[in-house]
């Protein structure tokens, strides 16, 4: 446990150590000598390094914490002559002695919090420095950090949404597990997609329902988590991205649509039947009006009115010159004739060309 580790550290440091450590060690132990020497090896080595050449201190030292997973980050120190290493220490408000946190002489520019920091209400301060051979930098400390106050809470994960005609049933997964004395509350904001009016509901269960919705309407919602501890501490998390679902059509509305479609089909069939009946009864009238009466071409009509017009004669002459003609013979029998060439019968034969008039 961190408390035991801090106590053992306090007992390991002599009173004659650096001022910041000795002031914390004296009230706890009241010791003035170290059993195995004046300084423990780690502290004596630290004091010797403080007189070594100076390195630039790390910059942008910040604690990043998301859903109670915390780590310390800083910008790398850029120097010539070798690989810069980093060492991180921590202390708590209860035990004000610096201790290592498994990040000693590392090359990375971040250090995760150890599992011993499981108490979310502890106040923790961290410090980091750069090292290159015998050269070291100044320590850079962070502001006091309390996880249940300073962590960033992410949105929950939406597992499933079941839509009905008047509600949305939503199942979520919390962003992290909560401990005894802690609880989570879900703030659900929802609105119609075509409206700007927003409503809010607060739920404590991971399965909840948004009710009194309109049917066949697109609704959008977003969720954020509120963390509450036994010390009446409340921490509101990040809002999730909006997601949208459409409510179902109710059974009554669906039945109404079916009846309406049936009536429209029935009306259409009746109209088609009436149209076919009218077409059959008045087909002669329709045929008369659909075929206009024949008209004699104008040049024939002029000829019939005045047969002496020379136009047809010109056409006849033109036809005689260019078109081939066939001969036609017309034979007429007199009364009482019996056969061709009979003596008492009179037979007359007259041959005309196809371009002459036959009377």
Protein backbone atom coordinates (compact mmCIF):
# COMPACT_ATOMS: atom_id res chain seq x y z
CA UNK A 1 0.00 0.00 0.00
CA UNK A 2 1.24 3.54 -0.70
CA UNK A 3 0.96 4.58 2.93
CA UNK A 4 3.24 1.79 4.10
CA UNK A 5 5.68 2.53 1.32
CA UNK A 6 5.74 6.18 2.30
CA UNK A 7 6.33 5.35 5.95
CA UNK A 8 9.22 3.05 5.11
CA UNK A 9 10.71 5.77 2.98
CA UNK A 10 10.42 8.25 5.81
CA UNK A 11 12.22 5.85 8.12
CA UNK A 12 15.01 5.36 5.60
CA UNK A 13 15.92 9.03 5.28
CA UNK A 14 18.19 10.61 7.97
CA UNK A 15 17.44 13.96 9.55
CA UNK A 16 20.61 15.45 8.08
CA UNK A 17 19.36 15.01 4.50
CA UNK A 18 18.17 17.88 2.30
CA UNK A 19 15.90 20.38 4.01
CA UNK A 20 12.70 19.35 2.23
CA UNK A 21 13.13 15.71 3.23
CA UNK A 22 14.51 16.22 6.73
CA UNK A 23 11.61 18.46 7.72
CA UNK A 24 9.17 15.71 6.81
CA UNK A 25 11.28 12.98 8.41
CA UNK A 26 11.88 14.57 11.80
CA UNK A 27 8.26 14.64 13.02
CA UNK A 28 7.78 11.03 12.00
CA UNK A 29 10.89 9.41 13.31
CA UNK A 30 12.81 11.84 15.44
CA UNK A 31 16.05 10.23 14.21
CA UNK A 32 19.32 12.08 13.80
CA UNK A 33 21.62 9.38 12.37
CA UNK A 34 21.38 6.80 9.63
CA UNK A 35 22.16 3.25 10.85
CA UNK A 36 24.32 2.36 7.86
CA UNK A 37 25.99 5.68 7.19
CA UNK A 38 25.29 9.35 7.07
CA UNK A 39 23.19 9.19 3.83
CA UNK A 40 21.47 6.36 2.06
CA UNK A 41 23.13 5.53 -1.27
CA UNK A 42 20.35 7.03 -3.38
CA UNK A 43 20.35 10.35 -1.57
CA UNK A 44 24.11 10.71 -1.40
CA UNK A 45 24.30 10.06 -5.11
CA UNK A 46 21.58 12.64 -5.67
CA UNK A 47 23.49 15.27 -3.68
CA UNK A 48 26.66 14.61 -5.66
CA UNK A 49 24.79 15.03 -8.92
CA UNK A 50 23.36 18.37 -7.87
CA UNK A 51 26.88 19.85 -8.20
CA UNK A 52 27.28 18.38 -11.69
CA UNK A 53 27.00 20.40 -14.93
CA UNK A 54 23.54 21.77 -15.57
CA UNK A 55 21.00 20.54 -18.14
CA UNK A 56 17.88 22.33 -19.39
CA UNK A 57 14.83 21.25 -17.42
CA UNK A 58 11.94 19.45 -19.15
CA UNK A 59 9.13 21.71 -20.35
CA UNK A 60 5.36 21.32 -20.80
CA UNK A 61 5.18 19.01 -17.79
CA UNK A 62 1.51 18.04 -17.41
CA UNK A 63 -0.61 15.26 -15.96
CA UNK A 64 -3.02 13.74 -18.46
CA UNK A 65 -5.89 11.76 -16.98
CA UNK A 66 -8.80 10.19 -18.88
CA UNK A 67 -11.31 7.96 -17.11
CA UNK A 68 -8.89 7.69 -14.15
CA UNK A 69 -6.03 6.41 -16.30
CA UNK A 70 -3.32 8.97 -15.58
CA UNK A 71 0.21 9.61 -16.79
CA UNK A 72 2.80 12.37 -16.68
CA UNK A 73 4.05 13.84 -19.96
CA UNK A 74 6.69 16.40 -20.84
CA UNK A 75 8.58 17.74 -23.83
CA UNK A 76 11.96 16.15 -24.60
CA UNK A 77 15.17 17.95 -23.69
CA UNK A 78 17.24 18.42 -26.85
CA UNK A 79 21.00 18.61 -26.30
CA UNK A 80 24.08 17.47 -28.17
CA UNK A 81 26.36 14.79 -26.86
CA UNK A 82 24.22 11.81 -25.94
CA UNK A 83 20.84 10.37 -24.99
CA UNK A 84 18.94 12.26 -22.32
CA UNK A 85 17.30 10.18 -19.60
CA UNK A 86 14.49 11.18 -17.26
CA UNK A 87 13.59 10.40 -13.66
CA UNK A 88 10.17 10.91 -12.06
CA UNK A 89 9.30 11.12 -8.35
CA UNK A 90 6.01 11.54 -6.54
CA UNK A 91 4.68 12.47 -3.13
CA UNK A 92 1.25 12.61 -1.54
CA UNK A 93 -0.40 15.14 0.74
CA UNK A 94 -0.34 12.66 3.62
CA UNK A 95 3.33 11.70 3.25
CA UNK A 96 5.37 14.58 1.89
CA UNK A 97 8.50 12.63 1.00
CA UNK A 98 9.52 12.10 -2.60
CA UNK A 99 9.57 8.54 -3.82
CA UNK A 100 10.35 6.83 -7.12
CA UNK A 101 7.47 5.61 -9.30
CA UNK A 102 9.18 3.04 -11.56
CA UNK A 103 10.28 5.75 -13.98
CA UNK A 104 13.99 6.15 -13.18
CA UNK A 105 16.43 7.01 -15.97
CA UNK A 106 13.95 6.26 -18.75
CA UNK A 107 14.17 7.43 -22.36
CA UNK A 108 10.42 7.97 -22.82
CA UNK A 109 8.86 11.37 -22.24
CA UNK A 110 5.90 9.98 -20.30
CA UNK A 111 5.37 7.98 -17.13
CA UNK A 112 2.19 6.14 -16.15
CA UNK A 113 0.86 6.28 -12.63
CA UNK A 114 1.58 3.07 -10.68
CA UNK A 115 -1.21 0.78 -9.56
CA UNK A 116 -0.59 1.91 -5.99
CA UNK A 117 -2.39 5.17 -6.86
CA UNK A 118 -5.75 3.45 -6.76
CA UNK A 119 -7.29 5.85 -4.31
CA UNK A 120 -8.96 8.44 -6.51
CA UNK A 121 -9.18 11.04 -3.78
CA UNK A 122 -5.48 11.15 -3.00
CA UNK A 123 -3.65 14.41 -3.63
CA UNK A 124 -0.50 13.68 -5.62
CA UNK A 125 2.40 15.90 -6.73
CA UNK A 126 4.96 14.72 -9.28
CA UNK A 127 8.34 16.00 -10.41
CA UNK A 128 10.67 15.14 -13.30
CA UNK A 129 14.23 15.98 -14.25
CA UNK A 130 16.61 15.27 -17.14
CA UNK A 131 19.94 13.43 -16.81
CA UNK A 132 22.87 13.08 -19.19
CA UNK A 133 25.90 11.36 -17.69
CA UNK A 134 26.87 13.43 -14.65
CA UNK A 135 24.80 16.40 -15.82
CA UNK A 136 21.32 16.82 -14.38
CA UNK A 137 18.59 19.42 -14.67
CA UNK A 138 16.41 21.09 -12.10
CA UNK A 139 13.29 19.32 -10.92
CA UNK A 140 10.01 20.45 -12.49
CA UNK A 141 6.99 19.89 -10.25
CA UNK A 142 3.33 19.58 -11.20
CA UNK A 143 0.39 21.17 -9.48
CA UNK A 144 -1.40 18.98 -6.92
CA UNK A 145 -3.52 16.39 -8.70
CA UNK A 146 -6.65 14.68 -7.38
CA UNK A 147 -8.03 12.07 -9.76
CA UNK A 148 -11.70 12.38 -8.79
CA UNK A 149 -11.47 16.15 -9.32
CA UNK A 150 -9.06 16.50 -12.24
CA UNK A 151 -9.60 13.49 -14.47
CA UNK A 152 -11.52 13.82 -17.73
CA UNK A 153 -14.54 11.57 -17.94
CA UNK A 154 -15.36 10.31 -21.39
CA UNK A 155 -18.82 9.54 -22.77
CA UNK A 156 -20.39 6.11 -22.36
CA UNK A 157 -20.53 3.60 -25.19
CA UNK A 158 -23.96 3.13 -26.78
CA UNK A 159 -24.41 -0.63 -27.20
CA UNK A 160 -27.90 -0.82 -28.67
CA UNK A 161 -30.98 1.28 -29.47
CA UNK A 162 -34.43 -0.25 -29.90
CA UNK A 163 -37.03 2.02 -31.50
CA UNK A 164 -40.78 1.73 -31.02
CA UNK A 165 -43.62 4.01 -32.10
CA UNK A 166 -43.30 6.32 -29.07
CA UNK A 167 -39.94 5.57 -27.41
CA UNK A 168 -36.25 4.70 -27.76
CA UNK A 169 -34.79 1.98 -25.52
CA UNK A 170 -31.05 2.64 -25.03
CA UNK A 171 -28.39 0.39 -23.50
CA UNK A 172 -24.97 1.86 -22.65
CA UNK A 173 -21.69 0.77 -21.10
CA UNK A 174 -20.13 3.09 -18.47
CA UNK A 175 -16.74 4.58 -19.39
CA UNK A 176 -15.10 3.07 -16.30
CA UNK A 177 -15.91 0.97 -13.25
CA UNK A 178 -16.88 2.82 -10.11
CA UNK A 179 -15.95 1.87 -6.58
CA UNK A 180 -17.86 1.69 -3.32
CA UNK A 181 -19.35 5.04 -2.42
CA UNK A 182 -19.28 6.18 -6.07
CA UNK A 183 -22.10 6.31 -8.58
CA UNK A 184 -22.77 7.43 -12.13
CA UNK A 185 -25.67 9.39 -13.54
CA UNK A 186 -26.40 9.68 -17.25
CA UNK A 187 -27.55 13.00 -18.68
CA UNK A 188 -29.45 12.31 -21.91
CA UNK A 189 -30.19 15.23 -24.25
CA UNK A 190 -32.57 14.48 -27.13
CA UNK A 191 -34.38 16.44 -29.82
CA UNK A 192 -36.19 16.08 -33.12
CA UNK A 193 -33.81 16.24 -36.03
CA UNK A 194 -35.88 18.98 -37.69
CA UNK A 195 -36.21 21.02 -34.48
CA UNK A 196 -33.90 23.01 -32.22
CA UNK A 197 -35.90 22.36 -29.06
CA UNK A 198 -33.82 20.15 -26.78
CA UNK A 199 -35.05 18.07 -23.85
CA UNK A 200 -33.05 16.39 -21.10
CA UNK A 201 -33.53 13.31 -18.93
CA UNK A 202 -31.38 11.93 -16.10
CA UNK A 203 -30.94 8.17 -15.67
CA UNK A 204 -28.96 6.03 -13.21
CA UNK A 205 -29.29 2.69 -14.98
CA UNK A 206 -27.34 1.55 -18.03
CA UNK A 207 -30.67 0.57 -19.64
CA UNK A 208 -33.14 3.43 -19.96
CA UNK A 209 -35.99 4.59 -22.19
CA UNK A 210 -36.80 7.96 -23.77
CA UNK A 211 -40.59 8.12 -23.88
CA UNK A 212 -43.43 10.28 -25.24
CA UNK A 213 -41.95 10.55 -28.73
CA UNK A 214 -43.75 11.08 -32.01
CA UNK A 215 -44.15 8.15 -34.33
CA UNK A 216 -42.19 7.90 -37.58
CA UNK A 217 -39.96 10.81 -36.51
CA UNK A 218 -36.17 11.08 -36.57
CA UNK A 219 -34.77 11.79 -33.08
CA UNK A 220 -31.16 12.52 -32.13
CA UNK A 221 -29.58 12.18 -28.68
CA UNK A 222 -26.25 12.53 -26.89
CA UNK A 223 -25.18 11.31 -23.45
CA UNK A 224 -22.71 12.51 -20.84
CA UNK A 225 -21.75 10.92 -17.54
CA UNK A 226 -21.82 12.62 -14.15
CA UNK A 227 -19.48 11.09 -11.57
CA UNK A 228 -20.60 11.38 -7.94
CA UNK A 229 -18.56 10.34 -4.91
CA UNK A 230 -19.41 9.84 -1.26
CA UNK A 231 -17.96 13.28 -0.49
CA UNK A 232 -20.73 14.96 -2.53
CA UNK A 233 -18.23 15.61 -5.28
CA UNK A 234 -19.74 15.85 -8.76
CA UNK A 235 -17.74 15.75 -11.97
CA UNK A 236 -19.49 16.08 -15.35
CA UNK A 237 -17.92 14.25 -18.27
CA UNK A 238 -17.68 14.87 -21.98
CA UNK A 239 -20.76 14.77 -24.20
CA UNK A 240 -21.00 11.98 -26.73
CA UNK A 241 -21.44 12.58 -30.44
CA UNK A 242 -25.11 12.79 -31.45
CA UNK A 243 -26.68 9.68 -32.92
CA UNK A 244 -30.09 9.59 -34.63
CA UNK A 245 -32.82 6.94 -34.85
CA UNK A 246 -36.31 7.01 -36.35
CA UNK A 247 -39.30 5.84 -34.34
CA UNK A 248 -41.58 3.15 -35.74
CA UNK A 249 -45.10 3.53 -37.18
CA UNK A 250 -47.86 2.52 -34.77
CA UNK A 251 -50.18 -0.37 -35.54
CA UNK A 252 -53.19 1.95 -35.84
CA UNK A 253 -51.41 4.15 -38.37
CA UNK A 254 -50.23 1.12 -40.32
CA UNK A 255 -53.80 -0.23 -40.48
CA UNK A 256 -55.04 3.18 -41.65
CA UNK A 257 -52.46 3.20 -44.45
CA UNK A 258 -53.54 -0.28 -45.57
CA UNK A 259 -57.21 0.76 -45.69
CA UNK A 260 -56.36 3.92 -47.61
CA UNK A 261 -54.34 1.99 -50.21
CA UNK A 262 -57.19 -0.52 -50.62
CA UNK A 263 -59.72 2.26 -51.21
CA UNK A 264 -57.49 3.96 -53.77
CA UNK A 265 -56.99 0.70 -55.67
CA UNK A 266 -60.75 0.07 -55.64
CA UNK A 267 -61.46 3.54 -57.01
CA UNK A 268 -58.88 3.05 -59.76
CA UNK A 269 -60.39 -0.29 -60.82
CA UNK A 270 -63.87 1.23 -60.96
CA UNK A 271 -62.66 4.12 -63.09
CA UNK A 272 -60.99 1.73 -65.51
CA UNK A 273 -64.19 -0.35 -65.78
CA UNK A 274 -66.37 2.70 -66.44
CA UNK A 275 -63.93 3.92 -69.07
CA UNK A 276 -63.98 0.60 -70.91
CA UNK A 277 -67.81 0.51 -70.83
CA UNK A 278 -68.09 4.00 -72.30
CA UNK A 279 -65.57 3.09 -74.98
CA UNK A 280 -67.61 0.05 -76.04
CA UNK A 281 -70.96 1.90 -76.15
CA UNK A 282 -69.72 4.87 -78.13
CA UNK A 283 -67.07 3.27 -80.29
CA UNK A 284 -68.84 4.32 -83.55
CA UNK A 285 -68.97 7.96 -82.52
CA UNK A 286 -65.37 7.79 -81.43
CA UNK A 287 -64.40 6.18 -84.73
CA UNK A 288 -66.22 8.88 -86.71
CA UNK A 289 -64.54 11.67 -84.85
CA UNK A 290 -61.16 9.98 -84.97
CA UNK A 291 -61.30 9.61 -88.84
CA UNK A 292 -62.10 12.93 -90.63
CA UNK A 293 -64.25 12.79 -93.90
CA UNK A 294 -62.46 12.30 -97.21
CA UNK A 295 -61.94 15.34 -99.40
CA UNK A 296 -61.28 15.47 -103.17
CA UNK A 297 -57.92 17.04 -103.97
CA UNK A 298 -58.22 20.59 -105.22
CA UNK A 299 -56.90 19.94 -108.77
CA UNK A 300 -59.44 17.13 -109.29
CA UNK A 301 -62.19 19.30 -107.97
CA UNK A 302 -61.26 22.07 -110.45
CA UNK A 303 -61.27 19.62 -113.34
CA UNK A 304 -64.68 18.26 -112.45
CA UNK A 305 -66.06 21.75 -112.39
CA UNK A 306 -64.50 22.63 -115.81
CA UNK A 307 -63.59 19.59 -117.91
CA UNK A 308 -62.30 21.75 -120.75
CA UNK A 309 -59.21 22.78 -118.80
CA UNK A 310 -56.04 21.93 -120.73
CA UNK A 311 -54.16 20.70 -117.71
CA UNK A 312 -55.16 17.08 -118.08
CA UNK A 313 -54.30 17.05 -121.77
CA UNK A 314 -50.79 18.21 -120.91
CA UNK A 315 -50.54 15.46 -118.35
CA UNK A 316 -51.78 12.91 -120.93
CA UNK A 317 -49.20 14.02 -123.49
CA UNK A 318 -46.47 13.83 -120.88
CA UNK A 319 -47.52 10.35 -119.98
CA UNK A 320 -47.53 9.26 -123.64
CA UNK A 321 -43.95 10.34 -124.09
CA UNK A 322 -42.42 8.89 -120.98
CA UNK A 323 -44.54 5.95 -119.85
CA UNK A 324 -44.98 2.62 -121.66
CA UNK A 325 -48.53 1.89 -122.93
CA UNK A 326 -50.48 -1.35 -123.20
CA UNK A 327 -53.14 -2.07 -125.82
CA UNK A 328 -56.69 -3.00 -124.81
CA UNK A 329 -59.27 -4.51 -127.22
CA UNK A 330 -62.99 -4.18 -126.62
CA UNK A 331 -65.30 -6.59 -128.42
CA UNK A 332 -69.05 -5.95 -128.64
CA UNK A 333 -71.64 -8.50 -129.79
CA UNK A 334 -74.88 -7.73 -131.61
CA UNK A 335 -78.18 -9.29 -130.74
CA UNK A 336 -78.57 -12.92 -131.70
CA UNK A 337 -74.89 -13.59 -132.22
CA UNK A 338 -73.72 -17.10 -131.33
CA UNK A 339 -69.97 -17.08 -131.60
CA UNK A 340 -66.92 -15.26 -132.72
CA UNK A 341 -67.03 -14.35 -136.40
CA UNK A 342 -70.75 -15.34 -136.91
CA UNK A 343 -72.11 -14.13 -140.30
CA UNK A 344 -75.52 -13.03 -139.07
CA UNK A 345 -74.17 -11.49 -136.01
CA UNK A 346 -72.44 -8.23 -136.05
CA UNK A 347 -69.25 -8.01 -134.25
CA UNK A 348 -67.29 -4.87 -133.93
CA UNK A 349 -63.77 -4.67 -132.67
CA UNK A 350 -62.03 -1.54 -131.70
CA UNK A 351 -58.56 -1.25 -130.35
CA UNK A 352 -57.50 1.67 -128.21
CA UNK A 353 -54.47 2.47 -126.22
CA UNK A 354 -54.45 2.62 -122.44
CA UNK A 355 -53.94 6.35 -122.47
CA UNK A 356 -57.22 7.02 -124.41
CA UNK A 357 -60.60 7.41 -122.83
CA UNK A 358 -62.89 4.35 -122.82
CA UNK A 359 -66.68 5.06 -123.18
